[in-house]
C-alpha atoms as a PDB file:
ATOM      1  CA  MET A   1      14.159 -58.941  -1.493  1.00  0.00           C
ATOM      2  CA  THR A   2      14.130 -58.103  -5.481  1.00  0.00           C
ATOM      3  CA  ALA A   3      16.932 -59.234  -7.094  1.00  0.00           C
ATOM      4  CA  ASP A   4      17.332 -55.825  -8.173  1.00  0.00           C
ATOM      5  CA  GLU A   5      17.761 -55.028  -4.185  1.00  0.00           C
ATOM      6  CA  LEU A   6      20.180 -58.031  -3.488  1.00  0.00           C
ATOM      7  CA  GLN A   7      22.341 -56.514  -6.174  1.00  0.00           C
ATOM      8  CA  SER A   8      22.242 -53.559  -5.084  1.00  0.00           C
ATOM      9  CA  LEU A   9      22.884 -54.471  -1.065  1.00  0.00           C
ATOM     10  CA  ILE A  10      26.382 -55.947  -2.639  1.00  0.00           C
ATOM     11  CA  GLU A  11      27.328 -53.385  -4.601  1.00  0.00           C
ATOM     12  CA  GLU A  12      26.856 -51.292  -1.739  1.00  0.00           C
ATOM     13  CA  ALA A  13      28.882 -53.635   0.523  1.00  0.00           C
ATOM     14  CA  ALA A  14      31.541 -53.598  -2.069  1.00  0.00           C
ATOM     15  CA  TYR A  15      31.802 -49.663  -2.415  1.00  0.00           C
ATOM     16  CA  HIS A  16      32.268 -50.044   1.568  1.00  0.00           C
ATOM     17  CA  HIS A  17      34.925 -52.621   1.097  1.00  0.00           C
ATOM     18  CA  ALA A  18      36.818 -50.372  -1.121  1.00  0.00           C
ATOM     19  CA  VAL A  19      36.675 -47.413   0.894  1.00  0.00           C
ATOM     20  CA  GLY A  20      37.734 -49.233   4.150  1.00  0.00           C
ATOM     21  CA  GLU A  21      34.394 -49.590   5.876  1.00  0.00           C
ATOM     22  CA  PRO A  22      34.719 -53.300   6.024  1.00  0.00           C
ATOM     23  CA  ASP A  23      31.961 -53.273   8.851  1.00  0.00           C
ATOM     24  CA  ALA A  24      29.296 -51.502   7.085  1.00  0.00           C
ATOM     25  CA  ALA A  25      30.052 -53.845   4.153  1.00  0.00           C
ATOM     26  CA  VAL A  26      29.626 -56.677   6.724  1.00  0.00           C
ATOM     27  CA  LEU A  27      26.499 -55.492   7.736  1.00  0.00           C
ATOM     28  CA  ARG A  28      24.913 -55.084   4.269  1.00  0.00           C
ATOM     29  CA  LEU A  29      26.338 -58.826   3.025  1.00  0.00           C
ATOM     30  CA  GLU A  30      24.881 -59.916   6.215  1.00  0.00           C
ATOM     31  CA  ARG A  31      21.604 -58.850   5.020  1.00  0.00           C
ATOM     32  CA  ALA A  32      21.749 -59.721   1.987  1.00  0.00           C
ATOM     33  CA  THR A  33      22.529 -63.223   3.011  1.00  0.00           C
ATOM     34  CA  ALA A  34      19.551 -63.467   5.430  1.00  0.00           C
ATOM     35  CA  ALA A  35      17.540 -62.293   2.582  1.00  0.00           C
ATOM     36  CA  ALA A  36      18.937 -64.166  -0.072  1.00  0.00           C
ATOM     37  CA  PRO A  37      20.803 -67.278   1.269  1.00  0.00           C
ATOM     38  CA  GLY A  38      20.872 -68.894  -1.934  1.00  0.00           C
ATOM     39  CA  SER A  39      22.767 -65.664  -3.459  1.00  0.00           C
ATOM     40  CA  PHE A  40      26.324 -67.506  -4.005  1.00  0.00           C
ATOM     41  CA  GLU A  41      27.403 -63.982  -4.669  1.00  0.00           C
ATOM     42  CA  ALA A  42      26.375 -62.423  -1.143  1.00  0.00           C
ATOM     43  CA  TRP A  43      28.114 -65.636   0.286  1.00  0.00           C
ATOM     44  CA  HIS A  44      31.338 -65.072  -1.394  1.00  0.00           C
ATOM     45  CA  ALA A  45      31.371 -61.490  -1.068  1.00  0.00           C
ATOM     46  CA  LEU A  46      31.185 -62.002   2.339  1.00  0.00           C
ATOM     47  CA  ALA A  47      33.923 -64.590   2.501  1.00  0.00           C
ATOM     48  CA  GLU A  48      36.513 -62.238   0.839  1.00  0.00           C
ATOM     49  CA  VAL A  49      35.257 -59.363   3.458  1.00  0.00           C
ATOM     50  CA  LEU A  50      35.676 -61.583   6.200  1.00  0.00           C
ATOM     51  CA  PHE A  51      38.821 -62.952   5.212  1.00  0.00           C
ATOM     52  CA  SER A  52      40.438 -59.483   5.078  1.00  0.00           C
ATOM     53  CA  GLN A  53      39.362 -58.188   8.367  1.00  0.00           C
ATOM     54  CA  ARG A  54      41.389 -61.925   9.294  1.00  0.00           C
ATOM     55  CA  ARG A  55      38.122 -62.891  10.891  1.00  0.00           C
ATOM     56  CA  LEU A  56      38.676 -66.555   9.459  1.00  0.00           C
ATOM     57  CA  ASP A  57      36.283 -68.852  10.854  1.00  0.00           C
ATOM     58  CA  GLU A  58      33.354 -66.649   9.791  1.00  0.00           C
ATOM     59  CA  ALA A  59      35.173 -66.087   6.147  1.00  0.00           C
ATOM     60  CA  LEU A  60      35.059 -70.351   6.198  1.00  0.00           C
ATOM     61  CA  ARG A  61      31.423 -70.712   7.047  1.00  0.00           C
ATOM     62  CA  ALA A  62      30.571 -67.981   4.265  1.00  0.00           C
ATOM     63  CA  GLY A  63      33.070 -69.488   1.655  1.00  0.00           C
ATOM     64  CA  GLU A  64      31.607 -73.033   2.862  1.00  0.00           C
ATOM     65  CA  ARG A  65      28.181 -71.724   1.992  1.00  0.00           C
ATOM     66  CA  ALA A  66      28.575 -69.949  -1.321  1.00  0.00           C
ATOM     67  CA  HIS A  67      30.743 -73.546  -2.333  1.00  0.00           C
ATOM     68  CA  ALA A  68      27.934 -75.367  -1.755  1.00  0.00           C
ATOM     69  CA  LEU A  69      25.823 -73.327  -3.891  1.00  0.00           C
ATOM     70  CA  ASN A  70      28.351 -73.740  -6.846  1.00  0.00           C
ATOM     71  CA  PRO A  71      31.255 -76.059  -6.434  1.00  0.00           C
ATOM     72  CA  ALA A  72      32.587 -75.562 -10.124  1.00  0.00           C
ATOM     73  CA  ASP A  73      33.268 -71.647  -9.507  1.00  0.00           C
ATOM     74  CA  LEU A  74      36.829 -70.898  -9.954  1.00  0.00           C
ATOM     75  CA  PHE A  75      36.630 -67.632  -7.566  1.00  0.00           C
ATOM     76  CA  ILE A  76      34.982 -69.254  -4.845  1.00  0.00           C
ATOM     77  CA  ASN A  77      37.686 -72.292  -4.717  1.00  0.00           C
ATOM     78  CA  THR A  78      40.427 -69.799  -4.161  1.00  0.00           C
ATOM     79  CA  THR A  79      38.991 -67.968  -2.088  1.00  0.00           C
ATOM     80  CA  LEU A  80      38.794 -71.251   0.305  1.00  0.00           C
ATOM     81  CA  SER A  81      42.348 -72.209  -0.538  1.00  0.00           C
ATOM     82  CA  ARG A  82      43.699 -68.641   0.857  1.00  0.00           C
ATOM     83  CA  ILE A  83      41.492 -69.076   3.837  1.00  0.00           C
ATOM     84  CA  TRP A  84      42.903 -72.681   4.555  1.00  0.00           C
ATOM     85  CA  MET A  85      46.595 -71.412   3.518  1.00  0.00           C
ATOM     86  CA  GLU A  86      46.053 -68.647   6.557  1.00  0.00           C
ATOM     87  CA  ARG A  87      44.784 -71.072   8.831  1.00  0.00           C
ATOM     88  CA  GLY A  88      47.398 -73.259   8.456  1.00  0.00           C
ATOM     89  CA  ASP A  89      45.991 -76.473   6.554  1.00  0.00           C
ATOM     90  CA  LYS A  90      47.897 -77.137   3.920  1.00  0.00           C
ATOM     91  CA  ALA A  91      46.324 -80.091   2.215  1.00  0.00           C
ATOM     92  CA  LYS A  92      43.044 -77.908   2.540  1.00  0.00           C
ATOM     93  CA  ALA A  93      44.744 -74.938   1.027  1.00  0.00           C
ATOM     94  CA  GLU A  94      46.121 -77.509  -1.857  1.00  0.00           C
ATOM     95  CA  HIS A  95      43.434 -79.012  -2.320  1.00  0.00           C
ATOM     96  CA  PHE A  96      40.969 -75.819  -3.277  1.00  0.00           C
ATOM     97  CA  GLY A  97      43.888 -74.839  -5.115  1.00  0.00           C
ATOM     98  CA  ALA A  98      43.780 -77.784  -7.457  1.00  0.00           C
ATOM     99  CA  GLN A  99      40.393 -77.325  -8.287  1.00  0.00           C
ATOM    100  CA  ALA A 100      40.406 -73.637  -9.207  1.00  0.00           C
ATOM    101  CA  LYS A 101      42.840 -74.745 -11.423  1.00  0.00           C
ATOM    102  CA  ILE A 102      41.018 -77.086 -12.975  1.00  0.00           C
ATOM    103  CA  GLN A 103      37.827 -74.820 -13.012  1.00  0.00           C
ATOM    104  CA  GLY A 104      40.668 -72.059 -15.015  1.00  0.00           C
ATOM    105  CA  TRP A 105      41.596 -74.949 -17.357  1.00  0.00           C
ATOM    106  CA  ARG A 106      38.022 -75.623 -18.562  1.00  0.00           C
ATOM    107  CA  GLU A 107      37.280 -72.005 -18.952  1.00  0.00           C
ATOM    108  CA  GLN A 108      40.357 -71.875 -21.167  1.00  0.00           C
ATOM    109  CA  LEU A 109      39.007 -74.964 -23.105  1.00  0.00           C
ATOM    110  CA  LYS A 110      35.754 -73.440 -23.588  1.00  0.00           C
ATOM    111  CA  GLY A 111      36.931 -70.681 -25.378  1.00  0.00           C
ATOM    112  CA  SER A 112      39.252 -72.505 -27.626  1.00  0.00           C
ATOM    113  CA  PRO A 113      38.436 -72.684 -30.958  1.00  0.00           C
END
């Protein structure tokens, strides 16, 4: 799968998710992650779609795969925080929430004169 094909698949999934077709979104994202297991974007999108469906165990697995690929990403840390909060593990939710804040501060500092 080329990078353009992967990006198109992720965009199609985002469209299906936005119009209320989460199963179609999941199918596309599962194809994307199978074809490109190193795609942070595909894993993160899959985590978000599964989370929106309250498929928390699957969302956590996808989120952890994305986090392994890019642990410094603010948004995946936020996603994992939300998943852990829904699963009832406040300590883990707070850990990932703190990581997201740290990444946010780093981004702000990069933009400072």
